[in-house]
Amino acid sequence: MTLDAAARRRYARQLLLGEIGEAGQERLLCSEFAAGAASDARAFASAAEYLRRAGCRETDAGREVLVPDATAVMGFAGAPFLLEPAAAVIGAFSAVEHLKAILGIAEARCFPTDVQLNVEV
């Protein structure tokens, strides 16, 4: 696959990154992803948005994105009012890790279980 003019405009910032470039962007455009069975829906939605913007496609047969389950998201949030921000952070982390694996930069890591958002107000 080669990038046409529209794709070059759309992904111009990614093309400038040494870790991605034209070859990496072509890999991203050819890649597919899917939710894991136990993935938290909010965190996966956040990850999926980042992956789609990077050029990946969501399919049932795609490579599974390592997104923690709802219990892990709540554990990271530490309080119910922080669930949405926690899901957004975990989703972003999961998307970046998935992109690193697609690009061959590193293996995708799982979100660490020993961290928590600060609940002090």
PDB file of N, CA and C in Angstrom:
ATOM      1  N   MET A   1       0.841  -1.174   0.000  1.00  0.00           N
ATOM      2  CA  MET A   1       0.000   0.000   0.000  1.00  0.00           C
ATOM      3  C   MET A   1       0.888   1.240   0.000  1.00  0.00           C
ATOM      4  N   THR A   2       0.566   2.184  -0.858  1.00  0.00           N
ATOM      5  CA  THR A   2       1.262   3.466  -0.849  1.00  0.00           C
ATOM      6  C   THR A   2       0.266   4.554  -0.460  1.00  0.00           C
ATOM      7  N   LEU A   3       0.762   5.567   0.164  1.00  0.00           N
ATOM      8  CA  LEU A   3      -0.088   6.654   0.639  1.00  0.00           C
ATOM      9  C   LEU A   3      -0.406   7.617  -0.501  1.00  0.00           C
ATOM     10  N   ASP A   4      -1.687   7.917  -0.684  1.00  0.00           N
ATOM     11  CA  ASP A   4      -2.065   8.917  -1.680  1.00  0.00           C
ATOM     12  C   ASP A   4      -1.981  10.311  -1.052  1.00  0.00           C
ATOM     13  N   ALA A   5      -2.267  11.330  -1.830  1.00  0.00           N
ATOM     14  CA  ALA A   5      -2.139  12.711  -1.347  1.00  0.00           C
ATOM     15  C   ALA A   5      -3.052  12.982  -0.157  1.00  0.00           C
ATOM     16  N   ALA A   6      -4.274  12.446  -0.179  1.00  0.00           N
ATOM     17  CA  ALA A   6      -5.208  12.666   0.934  1.00  0.00           C
ATOM     18  C   ALA A   6      -4.679  12.029   2.217  1.00  0.00           C
ATOM     19  N   ALA A   7      -4.134  10.832   2.107  1.00  0.00           N
ATOM     20  CA  ALA A   7      -3.575  10.152   3.287  1.00  0.00           C
ATOM     21  C   ALA A   7      -2.346  10.895   3.796  1.00  0.00           C
ATOM     22  N   ARG A   8      -1.544  11.405   2.902  1.00  0.00           N
ATOM     23  CA  ARG A   8      -0.362  12.178   3.332  1.00  0.00           C
ATOM     24  C   ARG A   8      -0.766  13.426   4.104  1.00  0.00           C
ATOM     25  N   ARG A   9      -1.849  14.089   3.671  1.00  0.00           N
ATOM     26  CA  ARG A   9      -2.336  15.261   4.416  1.00  0.00           C
ATOM     27  C   ARG A   9      -2.911  14.851   5.761  1.00  0.00           C
ATOM     28  N   ARG A  10      -3.720  13.806   5.763  1.00  0.00           N
ATOM     29  CA  ARG A  10      -4.378  13.366   6.997  1.00  0.00           C
ATOM     30  C   ARG A  10      -3.375  12.936   8.059  1.00  0.00           C
ATOM     31  N   TYR A  11      -2.336  12.212   7.665  1.00  0.00           N
ATOM     32  CA  TYR A  11      -1.370  11.649   8.609  1.00  0.00           C
ATOM     33  C   TYR A  11      -0.039  12.394   8.595  1.00  0.00           C
ATOM     34  N   ALA A  12      -0.040  13.653   8.174  1.00  0.00           N
ATOM     35  CA  ALA A  12       1.200  14.419   8.016  1.00  0.00           C
ATOM     36  C   ALA A  12       2.038  14.453   9.290  1.00  0.00           C
ATOM     37  N   ARG A  13       1.411  14.647  10.448  1.00  0.00           N
ATOM     38  CA  ARG A  13       2.182  14.710  11.701  1.00  0.00           C
ATOM     39  C   ARG A  13       2.826  13.371  12.018  1.00  0.00           C
ATOM     40  N   GLN A  14       2.109  12.287  11.766  1.00  0.00           N
ATOM     41  CA  GLN A  14       2.664  10.964  12.040  1.00  0.00           C
ATOM     42  C   GLN A  14       3.806  10.639  11.082  1.00  0.00           C
ATOM     43  N   LEU A  15       3.706  11.110   9.859  1.00  0.00           N
ATOM     44  CA  LEU A  15       4.764  10.864   8.881  1.00  0.00           C
ATOM     45  C   LEU A  15       6.070  11.535   9.290  1.00  0.00           C
ATOM     46  N   LEU A  16       5.968  12.626  10.045  1.00  0.00           N
ATOM     47  CA  LEU A  16       7.167  13.343  10.491  1.00  0.00           C
ATOM     48  C   LEU A  16       7.900  12.622  11.626  1.00  0.00           C
ATOM     49  N   LEU A  17       7.212  11.743  12.333  1.00  0.00           N
ATOM     50  CA  LEU A  17       7.825  11.047  13.464  1.00  0.00           C
ATOM     51  C   LEU A  17       8.728   9.925  12.970  1.00  0.00           C
ATOM     52  N   GLY A  18       9.949   9.906  13.460  1.00  0.00           N
ATOM     53  CA  GLY A  18      10.892   8.871  13.063  1.00  0.00           C
ATOM     54  C   GLY A  18      10.409   7.466  13.393  1.00  0.00           C
ATOM     55  N   GLU A  19       9.651   7.333  14.476  1.00  0.00           N
ATOM     56  CA  GLU A  19       9.152   6.021  14.887  1.00  0.00           C
ATOM     57  C   GLU A  19       8.052   5.506  13.966  1.00  0.00           C
ATOM     58  N   ILE A  20       7.436   6.402  13.193  1.00  0.00           N
ATOM     59  CA  ILE A  20       6.334   5.997  12.311  1.00  0.00           C
ATOM     60  C   ILE A  20       6.771   6.143  10.861  1.00  0.00           C
ATOM     61  N   GLY A  21       6.875   7.353  10.364  1.00  0.00           N
ATOM     62  CA  GLY A  21       7.271   7.562   8.978  1.00  0.00           C
ATOM     63  C   GLY A  21       6.281   6.946   8.004  1.00  0.00           C
ATOM     64  N   GLU A  22       6.648   6.924   6.741  1.00  0.00           N
ATOM     65  CA  GLU A  22       5.748   6.403   5.714  1.00  0.00           C
ATOM     66  C   GLU A  22       5.530   4.898   5.853  1.00  0.00           C
ATOM     67  N   ALA A  23       6.598   4.148   6.087  1.00  0.00           N
ATOM     68  CA  ALA A  23       6.453   2.687   6.209  1.00  0.00           C
ATOM     69  C   ALA A  23       5.586   2.327   7.410  1.00  0.00           C
ATOM     70  N   GLY A  24       5.779   3.018   8.520  1.00  0.00           N
ATOM     71  CA  GLY A  24       4.973   2.753   9.708  1.00  0.00           C
ATOM     72  C   GLY A  24       3.518   3.115   9.497  1.00  0.00           C
ATOM     73  N   GLN A  25       3.271   4.230   8.827  1.00  0.00           N
ATOM     74  CA  GLN A  25       1.888   4.630   8.580  1.00  0.00           C
ATOM     75  C   GLN A  25       1.199   3.613   7.677  1.00  0.00           C
ATOM     76  N   GLU A  26       1.908   3.096   6.718  1.00  0.00           N
ATOM     77  CA  GLU A  26       1.331   2.055   5.862  1.00  0.00           C
ATOM     78  C   GLU A  26       0.979   0.818   6.691  1.00  0.00           C
ATOM     79  N   ARG A  27       1.839   0.461   7.644  1.00  0.00           N
ATOM     80  CA  ARG A  27       1.537  -0.672   8.537  1.00  0.00           C
ATOM     81  C   ARG A  27       0.286  -0.388   9.356  1.00  0.00           C
ATOM     82  N   LEU A  28       0.184   0.832   9.878  1.00  0.00           N
ATOM     83  CA  LEU A  28      -0.992   1.196  10.676  1.00  0.00           C
ATOM     84  C   LEU A  28      -2.267   1.100   9.840  1.00  0.00           C
ATOM     85  N   LEU A  29      -2.214   1.573   8.611  1.00  0.00           N
ATOM     86  CA  LEU A  29      -3.391   1.542   7.753  1.00  0.00           C
ATOM     87  C   LEU A  29      -3.806   0.121   7.380  1.00  0.00           C
ATOM     88  N   CYS A  30      -2.881  -0.799   7.437  1.00  0.00           N
ATOM     89  CA  CYS A  30      -3.188  -2.199   7.135  1.00  0.00           C
ATOM     90  C   CYS A  30      -3.562  -3.003   8.382  1.00  0.00           C
ATOM     91  N   SER A  31      -3.422  -2.416   9.548  1.00  0.00           N
ATOM     92  CA  SER A  31      -3.640  -3.171  10.781  1.00  0.00           C
ATOM     93  C   SER A  31      -5.091  -3.111  11.240  1.00  0.00           C
ATOM     94  N   GLU A  32      -5.485  -4.164  11.924  1.00  0.00           N
ATOM     95  CA  GLU A  32      -6.832  -4.288  12.482  1.00  0.00           C
ATOM     96  C   GLU A  32      -6.714  -4.558  13.966  1.00  0.00           C
ATOM     97  N   PHE A  33      -7.704  -4.100  14.723  1.00  0.00           N
ATOM     98  CA  PHE A  33      -7.704  -4.326  16.163  1.00  0.00           C
ATOM     99  C   PHE A  33      -9.090  -4.753  16.628  1.00  0.00           C
ATOM    100  N   ALA A  34      -9.121  -5.373  17.801  1.00  0.00           N
ATOM    101  CA  ALA A  34     -10.381  -5.834  18.395  1.00  0.00           C
ATOM    102  C   ALA A  34     -10.301  -5.709  19.907  1.00  0.00           C
ATOM    103  N   ALA A  35     -11.461  -5.651  20.525  1.00  0.00           N
ATOM    104  CA  ALA A  35     -11.532  -5.596  21.988  1.00  0.00           C
ATOM    105  C   ALA A  35     -11.337  -6.989  22.555  1.00  0.00           C
ATOM    106  N   GLY A  36     -10.676  -7.046  23.701  1.00  0.00           N
ATOM    107  CA  GLY A  36     -10.599  -8.307  24.425  1.00  0.00           C
ATOM    108  C   GLY A  36     -11.933  -8.566  25.115  1.00  0.00           C
ATOM    109  N   ALA A  37     -12.230  -9.800  25.384  1.00  0.00           N
ATOM    110  CA  ALA A  37     -13.518 -10.161  25.979  1.00  0.00           C
ATOM    111  C   ALA A  37     -13.747  -9.478  27.321  1.00  0.00           C
ATOM    112  N   ALA A  38     -12.703  -9.285  28.105  1.00  0.00           N
ATOM    113  CA  ALA A  38     -12.857  -8.723  29.449  1.00  0.00           C
ATOM    114  C   ALA A  38     -12.562  -7.227  29.512  1.00  0.00           C
ATOM    115  N   SER A  39     -12.318  -6.591  28.385  1.00  0.00           N
ATOM    116  CA  SER A  39     -11.950  -5.172  28.375  1.00  0.00           C
ATOM    117  C   SER A  39     -13.062  -4.292  28.931  1.00  0.00           C
ATOM    118  N   ASP A  40     -12.677  -3.293  29.719  1.00  0.00           N
ATOM    119  CA  ASP A  40     -13.632  -2.294  30.171  1.00  0.00           C
ATOM    120  C   ASP A  40     -14.123  -1.525  28.948  1.00  0.00           C
ATOM    121  N   ALA A  41     -15.427  -1.380  28.809  1.00  0.00           N
ATOM    122  CA  ALA A  41     -16.003  -0.753  27.614  1.00  0.00           C
ATOM    123  C   ALA A  41     -15.570   0.698  27.457  1.00  0.00           C
ATOM    124  N   ARG A  42     -15.521   1.450  28.558  1.00  0.00           N
ATOM    125  CA  ARG A  42     -15.139   2.862  28.462  1.00  0.00           C
ATOM    126  C   ARG A  42     -13.673   3.001  28.069  1.00  0.00           C
ATOM    127  N   ALA A  43     -12.814   2.217  28.680  1.00  0.00           N
ATOM    128  CA  ALA A  43     -11.386   2.287  28.372  1.00  0.00           C
ATOM    129  C   ALA A  43     -11.130   1.824  26.938  1.00  0.00           C
ATOM    130  N   PHE A  44     -11.838   0.774  26.499  1.00  0.00           N
ATOM    131  CA  PHE A  44     -11.659   0.311  25.125  1.00  0.00           C
ATOM    132  C   PHE A  44     -12.143   1.366  24.134  1.00  0.00           C
ATOM    133  N   ALA A  45     -13.249   2.036  24.437  1.00  0.00           N
ATOM    134  CA  ALA A  45     -13.755   3.081  23.538  1.00  0.00           C
ATOM    135  C   ALA A  45     -12.711   4.184  23.351  1.00  0.00           C
ATOM    136  N   SER A  46     -12.040   4.545  24.435  1.00  0.00           N
ATOM    137  CA  SER A  46     -10.988   5.551  24.359  1.00  0.00           C
ATOM    138  C   SER A  46      -9.825   5.047  23.509  1.00  0.00           C
ATOM    139  N   ALA A  47      -9.397   3.816  23.750  1.00  0.00           N
ATOM    140  CA  ALA A  47      -8.299   3.231  22.970  1.00  0.00           C
ATOM    141  C   ALA A  47      -8.678   3.134  21.496  1.00  0.00           C
ATOM    142  N   ALA A  48      -9.894   2.696  21.230  1.00  0.00           N
ATOM    143  CA  ALA A  48     -10.346   2.536  19.842  1.00  0.00           C
ATOM    144  C   ALA A  48     -10.336   3.864  19.097  1.00  0.00           C
ATOM    145  N   GLU A  49     -10.728   4.940  19.772  1.00  0.00           N
ATOM    146  CA  GLU A  49     -10.715   6.260  19.136  1.00  0.00           C
ATOM    147  C   GLU A  49      -9.291   6.646  18.725  1.00  0.00           C
ATOM    148  N   TYR A  50      -8.338   6.458  19.614  1.00  0.00           N
ATOM    149  CA  TYR A  50      -6.939   6.760  19.280  1.00  0.00           C
ATOM    150  C   TYR A  50      -6.446   5.887  18.123  1.00  0.00           C
ATOM    151  N   LEU A  51      -6.771   4.607  18.155  1.00  0.00           N
ATOM    152  CA  LEU A  51      -6.303   3.695  17.109  1.00  0.00           C
ATOM    153  C   LEU A  51      -6.923   4.035  15.756  1.00  0.00           C
ATOM    154  N   ARG A  52      -8.215   4.365  15.738  1.00  0.00           N
ATOM    155  CA  ARG A  52      -8.849   4.765  14.475  1.00  0.00           C
ATOM    156  C   ARG A  52      -8.189   6.035  13.929  1.00  0.00           C
ATOM    157  N   ARG A  53      -7.906   6.993  14.804  1.00  0.00           N
ATOM    158  CA  ARG A  53      -7.266   8.231  14.351  1.00  0.00           C
ATOM    159  C   ARG A  53      -5.859   7.981  13.820  1.00  0.00           C
ATOM    160  N   ALA A  54      -5.212   6.938  14.305  1.00  0.00           N
ATOM    161  CA  ALA A  54      -3.877   6.584  13.813  1.00  0.00           C
ATOM    162  C   ALA A  54      -3.949   5.869  12.470  1.00  0.00           C
ATOM    163  N   GLY A  55      -5.155   5.413  12.086  1.00  0.00           N
ATOM    164  CA  GLY A  55      -5.322   4.754  10.800  1.00  0.00           C
ATOM    165  C   GLY A  55      -5.673   3.282  10.879  1.00  0.00           C
ATOM    166  N   CYS A  56      -5.779   2.733  12.078  1.00  0.00           N
ATOM    167  CA  CYS A  56      -6.112   1.315  12.252  1.00  0.00           C
ATOM    168  C   CYS A  56      -7.620   1.105  12.108  1.00  0.00           C
ATOM    169  N   ARG A  57      -8.018  -0.122  11.795  1.00  0.00           N
ATOM    170  CA  ARG A  57      -9.443  -0.461  11.644  1.00  0.00           C
ATOM    171  C   ARG A  57      -9.862  -1.457  12.707  1.00  0.00           C
ATOM    172  N   GLU A  58     -11.058  -1.251  13.238  1.00  0.00           N
ATOM    173  CA  GLU A  58     -11.607  -2.187  14.222  1.00  0.00           C
ATOM    174  C   GLU A  58     -12.371  -3.286  13.487  1.00  0.00           C
ATOM    175  N   THR A  59     -11.980  -4.536  13.743  1.00  0.00           N
ATOM    176  CA  THR A  59     -12.673  -5.698  13.168  1.00  0.00           C
ATOM    177  C   THR A  59     -12.722  -6.791  14.230  1.00  0.00           C
ATOM    178  N   ASP A  60     -13.602  -7.736  14.031  1.00  0.00           N
ATOM    179  CA  ASP A  60     -13.696  -8.863  14.969  1.00  0.00           C
ATOM    180  C   ASP A  60     -12.451  -9.742  14.924  1.00  0.00           C
ATOM    181  N   ALA A  61     -11.757  -9.745  13.800  1.00  0.00           N
ATOM    182  CA  ALA A  61     -10.593 -10.615  13.629  1.00  0.00           C
ATOM    183  C   ALA A  61      -9.272  -9.904  13.905  1.00  0.00           C
ATOM    184  N   GLY A  62      -9.325  -8.639  14.328  1.00  0.00           N
ATOM    185  CA  GLY A  62      -8.107  -7.877  14.547  1.00  0.00           C
ATOM    186  C   GLY A  62      -7.330  -8.334  15.769  1.00  0.00           C
ATOM    187  N   ARG A  63      -6.126  -7.806  15.887  1.00  0.00           N
ATOM    188  CA  ARG A  63      -5.266  -8.088  17.043  1.00  0.00           C
ATOM    189  C   ARG A  63      -5.892  -7.474  18.295  1.00  0.00           C
ATOM    190  N   GLU A  64      -5.978  -8.263  19.340  1.00  0.00           N
ATOM    191  CA  GLU A  64      -6.611  -7.814  20.582  1.00  0.00           C
ATOM    192  C   GLU A  64      -5.807  -6.709  21.258  1.00  0.00           C
ATOM    193  N   VAL A  65      -6.503  -5.643  21.649  1.00  0.00           N
ATOM    194  CA  VAL A  65      -5.887  -4.534  22.378  1.00  0.00           C
ATOM    195  C   VAL A  65      -5.903  -4.902  23.856  1.00  0.00           C
ATOM    196  N   LEU A  66      -4.768  -4.758  24.527  1.00  0.00           N
ATOM    197  CA  LEU A  66      -4.670  -5.100  25.946  1.00  0.00           C
ATOM    198  C   LEU A  66      -5.268  -3.985  26.800  1.00  0.00           C
ATOM    199  N   VAL A  67      -6.559  -4.090  27.068  1.00  0.00           N
ATOM    200  CA  VAL A  67      -7.277  -3.111  27.887  1.00  0.00           C
ATOM    201  C   VAL A  67      -7.747  -3.828  29.148  1.00  0.00           C
ATOM    202  N   PRO A  68      -7.459  -3.289  30.325  1.00  0.00           N
ATOM    203  CA  PRO A  68      -7.885  -3.927  31.576  1.00  0.00           C
ATOM    204  C   PRO A  68      -9.403  -4.006  31.703  1.00  0.00           C
ATOM    205  N   ASP A  69      -9.852  -4.836  32.626  1.00  0.00           N
ATOM    206  CA  ASP A  69     -11.291  -4.980  32.867  1.00  0.00           C
ATOM    207  C   ASP A  69     -11.811  -3.861  33.774  1.00  0.00           C
ATOM    208  N   ALA A  70     -13.122  -3.863  34.007  1.00  0.00           N
ATOM    209  CA  ALA A  70     -13.769  -2.796  34.787  1.00  0.00           C
ATOM    210  C   ALA A  70     -13.248  -2.737  36.218  1.00  0.00           C
ATOM    211  N   THR A  71     -12.906  -3.873  36.797  1.00  0.00           N
ATOM    212  CA  THR A  71     -12.375  -3.883  38.160  1.00  0.00           C
ATOM    213  C   THR A  71     -11.041  -3.153  38.223  1.00  0.00           C
ATOM    214  N   ALA A  72     -10.191  -3.372  37.245  1.00  0.00           N
ATOM    215  CA  ALA A  72      -8.890  -2.692  37.209  1.00  0.00           C
ATOM    216  C   ALA A  72      -9.060  -1.196  36.987  1.00  0.00           C
ATOM    217  N   VAL A  73     -10.020  -0.816  36.161  1.00  0.00           N
ATOM    218  CA  VAL A  73     -10.264   0.612  35.921  1.00  0.00           C
ATOM    219  C   VAL A  73     -10.735   1.267  37.216  1.00  0.00           C
ATOM    220  N   MET A  74     -11.645   0.608  37.936  1.00  0.00           N
ATOM    221  CA  MET A  74     -12.110   1.156  39.208  1.00  0.00           C
ATOM    222  C   MET A  74     -10.970   1.218  40.212  1.00  0.00           C
ATOM    223  N   GLY A  75     -10.112   0.220  40.222  1.00  0.00           N
ATOM    224  CA  GLY A  75      -8.954   0.230  41.119  1.00  0.00           C
ATOM    225  C   GLY A  75      -8.029   1.394  40.841  1.00  0.00           C
ATOM    226  N   PHE A  76      -7.830   1.694  39.574  1.00  0.00           N
ATOM    227  CA  PHE A  76      -6.995   2.842  39.201  1.00  0.00           C
ATOM    228  C   PHE A  76      -7.697   4.146  39.548  1.00  0.00           C
ATOM    229  N   ALA A  77      -9.015   4.213  39.314  1.00  0.00           N
ATOM    230  CA  ALA A  77      -9.779   5.428  39.598  1.00  0.00           C
ATOM    231  C   ALA A  77      -9.748   5.757  41.084  1.00  0.00           C
ATOM    232  N   GLY A  78      -9.953   4.747  41.917  1.00  0.00           N
ATOM    233  CA  GLY A  78      -9.940   4.968  43.356  1.00  0.00           C
ATOM    234  C   GLY A  78     -11.227   5.523  43.914  1.00  0.00           C
ATOM    235  N   ALA A  79     -12.065   6.087  43.062  1.00  0.00           N
ATOM    236  CA  ALA A  79     -13.350   6.646  43.490  1.00  0.00           C
ATOM    237  C   ALA A  79     -14.266   6.705  42.270  1.00  0.00           C
ATOM    238  N   PRO A  80     -15.559   6.510  42.466  1.00  0.00           N
ATOM    239  CA  PRO A  80     -16.490   6.498  41.329  1.00  0.00           C
ATOM    240  C   PRO A  80     -16.456   7.765  40.463  1.00  0.00           C
ATOM    241  N   PHE A  81     -16.250   8.921  41.083  1.00  0.00           N
ATOM    242  CA  PHE A  81     -16.257  10.154  40.294  1.00  0.00           C
ATOM    243  C   PHE A  81     -15.038  10.274  39.384  1.00  0.00           C
ATOM    244  N   LEU A  82     -14.071   9.408  39.540  1.00  0.00           N
ATOM    245  CA  LEU A  82     -12.882   9.421  38.683  1.00  0.00           C
ATOM    246  C   LEU A  82     -12.890   8.309  37.632  1.00  0.00           C
ATOM    247  N   LEU A  83     -14.010   7.608  37.493  1.00  0.00           N
ATOM    248  CA  LEU A  83     -14.070   6.499  36.532  1.00  0.00           C
ATOM    249  C   LEU A  83     -13.832   6.949  35.093  1.00  0.00           C
ATOM    250  N   GLU A  84     -14.475   8.020  34.672  1.00  0.00           N
ATOM    251  CA  GLU A  84     -14.307   8.483  33.285  1.00  0.00           C
ATOM    252  C   GLU A  84     -12.865   8.905  32.989  1.00  0.00           C
ATOM    253  N   PRO A  85     -12.244   9.739  33.846  1.00  0.00           N
ATOM    254  CA  PRO A  85     -10.843  10.076  33.575  1.00  0.00           C
ATOM    255  C   PRO A  85      -9.927   8.855  33.627  1.00  0.00           C
ATOM    256  N   ALA A  86     -10.207   7.937  34.539  1.00  0.00           N
ATOM    257  CA  ALA A  86      -9.382   6.722  34.637  1.00  0.00           C
ATOM    258  C   ALA A  86      -9.492   5.899  33.367  1.00  0.00           C
ATOM    259  N   ALA A  87     -10.706   5.752  32.847  1.00  0.00           N
ATOM    260  CA  ALA A  87     -10.899   4.997  31.607  1.00  0.00           C
ATOM    261  C   ALA A  87     -10.189   5.674  30.444  1.00  0.00           C
ATOM    262  N   ALA A  88     -10.217   7.005  30.410  1.00  0.00           N
ATOM    263  CA  ALA A  88      -9.544   7.740  29.332  1.00  0.00           C
ATOM    264  C   ALA A  88      -8.029   7.538  29.392  1.00  0.00           C
ATOM    265  N   VAL A  89      -7.462   7.605  30.587  1.00  0.00           N
ATOM    266  CA  VAL A  89      -6.013   7.409  30.746  1.00  0.00           C
ATOM    267  C   VAL A  89      -5.625   5.985  30.367  1.00  0.00           C
ATOM    268  N   ILE A  90      -6.370   5.022  30.857  1.00  0.00           N
ATOM    269  CA  ILE A  90      -6.063   3.615  30.552  1.00  0.00           C
ATOM    270  C   ILE A  90      -6.239   3.339  29.063  1.00  0.00           C
ATOM    271  N   GLY A  91      -7.268   3.911  28.459  1.00  0.00           N
ATOM    272  CA  GLY A  91      -7.476   3.729  27.023  1.00  0.00           C
ATOM    273  C   GLY A  91      -6.331   4.305  26.211  1.00  0.00           C
ATOM    274  N   ALA A  92      -5.884   5.507  26.570  1.00  0.00           N
ATOM    275  CA  ALA A  92      -4.767   6.130  25.863  1.00  0.00           C
ATOM    276  C   ALA A  92      -3.500   5.283  26.006  1.00  0.00           C
ATOM    277  N   PHE A  93      -3.227   4.820  27.226  1.00  0.00           N
ATOM    278  CA  PHE A  93      -2.058   3.972  27.468  1.00  0.00           C
ATOM    279  C   PHE A  93      -2.141   2.706  26.614  1.00  0.00           C
ATOM    280  N   SER A  94      -3.301   2.068  26.621  1.00  0.00           N
ATOM    281  CA  SER A  94      -3.487   0.822  25.869  1.00  0.00           C
ATOM    282  C   SER A  94      -3.302   1.047  24.374  1.00  0.00           C
ATOM    283  N   ALA A  95      -3.793   2.175  23.863  1.00  0.00           N
ATOM    284  CA  ALA A  95      -3.638   2.479  22.436  1.00  0.00           C
ATOM    285  C   ALA A  95      -2.163   2.672  22.078  1.00  0.00           C
ATOM    286  N   VAL A  96      -1.446   3.421  22.884  1.00  0.00           N
ATOM    287  CA  VAL A  96      -0.019   3.657  22.614  1.00  0.00           C
ATOM    288  C   VAL A  96       0.749   2.342  22.629  1.00  0.00           C
ATOM    289  N   GLU A  97       0.468   1.510  23.604  1.00  0.00           N
ATOM    290  CA  GLU A  97       1.152   0.214  23.664  1.00  0.00           C
ATOM    291  C   GLU A  97       0.830  -0.638  22.441  1.00  0.00           C
ATOM    292  N   HIS A  98      -0.418  -0.611  22.002  1.00  0.00           N
ATOM    293  CA  HIS A  98      -0.826  -1.371  20.819  1.00  0.00           C
ATOM    294  C   HIS A  98      -0.104  -0.836  19.572  1.00  0.00           C
ATOM    295  N   LEU A  99      -0.018   0.478  19.450  1.00  0.00           N
ATOM    296  CA  LEU A  99       0.677   1.071  18.310  1.00  0.00           C
ATOM    297  C   LEU A  99       2.159   0.708  18.303  1.00  0.00           C
ATOM    298  N   LYS A 100       2.776   0.706  19.473  1.00  0.00           N
ATOM    299  CA  LYS A 100       4.190   0.316  19.558  1.00  0.00           C
ATOM    300  C   LYS A 100       4.387  -1.109  19.047  1.00  0.00           C
ATOM    301  N   ALA A 101       3.471  -1.998  19.394  1.00  0.00           N
ATOM    302  CA  ALA A 101       3.582  -3.386  18.932  1.00  0.00           C
ATOM    303  C   ALA A 101       3.395  -3.483  17.416  1.00  0.00           C
ATOM    304  N   ILE A 102       2.421  -2.766  16.869  1.00  0.00           N
ATOM    305  CA  ILE A 102       2.195  -2.777  15.423  1.00  0.00           C
ATOM    306  C   ILE A 102       3.429  -2.279  14.680  1.00  0.00           C
ATOM    307  N   LEU A 103       4.027  -1.222  15.207  1.00  0.00           N
ATOM    308  CA  LEU A 103       5.182  -0.611  14.550  1.00  0.00           C
ATOM    309  C   LEU A 103       6.488  -1.344  14.817  1.00  0.00           C
ATOM    310  N   GLY A 104       6.453  -2.348  15.679  1.00  0.00           N
ATOM    311  CA  GLY A 104       7.654  -3.110  15.982  1.00  0.00           C
ATOM    312  C   GLY A 104       8.621  -2.382  16.881  1.00  0.00           C
ATOM    313  N   ILE A 105       8.128  -1.387  17.618  1.00  0.00           N
ATOM    314  CA  ILE A 105       8.987  -0.623  18.522  1.00  0.00           C
ATOM    315  C   ILE A 105       9.214  -1.397  19.816  1.00  0.00           C
ATOM    316  N   ALA A 106       8.162  -2.065  20.297  1.00  0.00           N
ATOM    317  CA  ALA A 106       8.237  -2.836  21.541  1.00  0.00           C
ATOM    318  C   ALA A 106       6.994  -3.703  21.655  1.00  0.00           C
ATOM    319  N   GLU A 107       7.053  -4.669  22.552  1.00  0.00           N
ATOM    320  CA  GLU A 107       5.868  -5.477  22.852  1.00  0.00           C
ATOM    321  C   GLU A 107       4.877  -4.624  23.631  1.00  0.00           C
ATOM    322  N   ALA A 108       3.592  -4.856  23.402  1.00  0.00           N
ATOM    323  CA  ALA A 108       2.566  -4.124  24.137  1.00  0.00           C
ATOM    324  C   ALA A 108       2.582  -4.564  25.597  1.00  0.00           C
ATOM    325  N   ARG A 109       2.597  -3.588  26.495  1.00  0.00           N
ATOM    326  CA  ARG A 109       2.564  -3.876  27.933  1.00  0.00           C
ATOM    327  C   ARG A 109       1.154  -3.658  28.458  1.00  0.00           C
ATOM    328  N   CYS A 110       0.831  -4.340  29.534  1.00  0.00           N
ATOM    329  CA  CYS A 110      -0.444  -4.142  30.217  1.00  0.00           C
ATOM    330  C   CYS A 110      -0.332  -2.931  31.130  1.00  0.00           C
ATOM    331  N   PHE A 111      -1.453  -2.293  31.397  1.00  0.00           N
ATOM    332  CA  PHE A 111      -1.470  -1.150  32.296  1.00  0.00           C
ATOM    333  C   PHE A 111      -1.048  -1.612  33.688  1.00  0.00           C
ATOM    334  N   PRO A 112      -0.174  -0.877  34.366  1.00  0.00           N
ATOM    335  CA  PRO A 112       0.292  -1.309  35.692  1.00  0.00           C
ATOM    336  C   PRO A 112      -0.853  -1.310  36.710  1.00  0.00           C
ATOM    337  N   THR A 113      -0.858  -2.301  37.553  1.00  0.00           N
ATOM    338  CA  THR A 113      -1.939  -2.440  38.541  1.00  0.00           C
ATOM    339  C   THR A 113      -1.604  -1.789  39.875  1.00  0.00           C
ATOM    340  N   ASP A 114      -0.428  -1.252  40.021  1.00  0.00           N
ATOM    341  CA  ASP A 114      -0.009  -0.690  41.309  1.00  0.00           C
ATOM    342  C   ASP A 114      -0.071   0.834  41.353  1.00  0.00           C
ATOM    343  N   VAL A 115      -0.839   1.439  40.449  1.00  0.00           N
ATOM    344  CA  VAL A 115      -0.977   2.896  40.451  1.00  0.00           C
ATOM    345  C   VAL A 115      -2.437   3.271  40.656  1.00  0.00           C
ATOM    346  N   GLN A 116      -2.653   4.476  41.164  1.00  0.00           N
ATOM    347  CA  GLN A 116      -4.009   4.946  41.400  1.00  0.00           C
ATOM    348  C   GLN A 116      -4.044   6.461  41.230  1.00  0.00           C
ATOM    349  N   LEU A 117      -5.150   6.956  40.693  1.00  0.00           N
ATOM    350  CA  LEU A 117      -5.328   8.406  40.601  1.00  0.00           C
ATOM    351  C   LEU A 117      -5.410   8.969  42.019  1.00  0.00           C
ATOM    352  N   ASN A 118      -5.012  10.189  42.191  1.00  0.00           N
ATOM    353  CA  ASN A 118      -5.066  10.841  43.494  1.00  0.00           C
ATOM    354  C   ASN A 118      -6.504  11.253  43.763  1.00  0.00           C
ATOM    355  N   VAL A 119      -7.087  10.738  44.835  1.00  0.00           N
ATOM    356  CA  VAL A 119      -8.485  11.043  45.156  1.00  0.00           C
ATOM    357  C   VAL A 119      -8.617  12.175  46.157  1.00  0.00           C
ATOM    358  N   GLU A 120      -7.521  12.775  46.574  1.00  0.00           N
ATOM    359  CA  GLU A 120      -7.595  13.891  47.516  1.00  0.00           C
ATOM    360  C   GLU A 120      -8.112  15.121  46.790  1.00  0.00           C
ATOM    361  N   VAL A 121      -9.060  15.789  47.401  1.00  0.00           N
ATOM    362  CA  VAL A 121      -9.652  16.966  46.771  1.00  0.00           C
ATOM    363  C   VAL A 121      -9.313  18.206  47.562  1.00  0.00           C
TER     364      VAL A 121
END
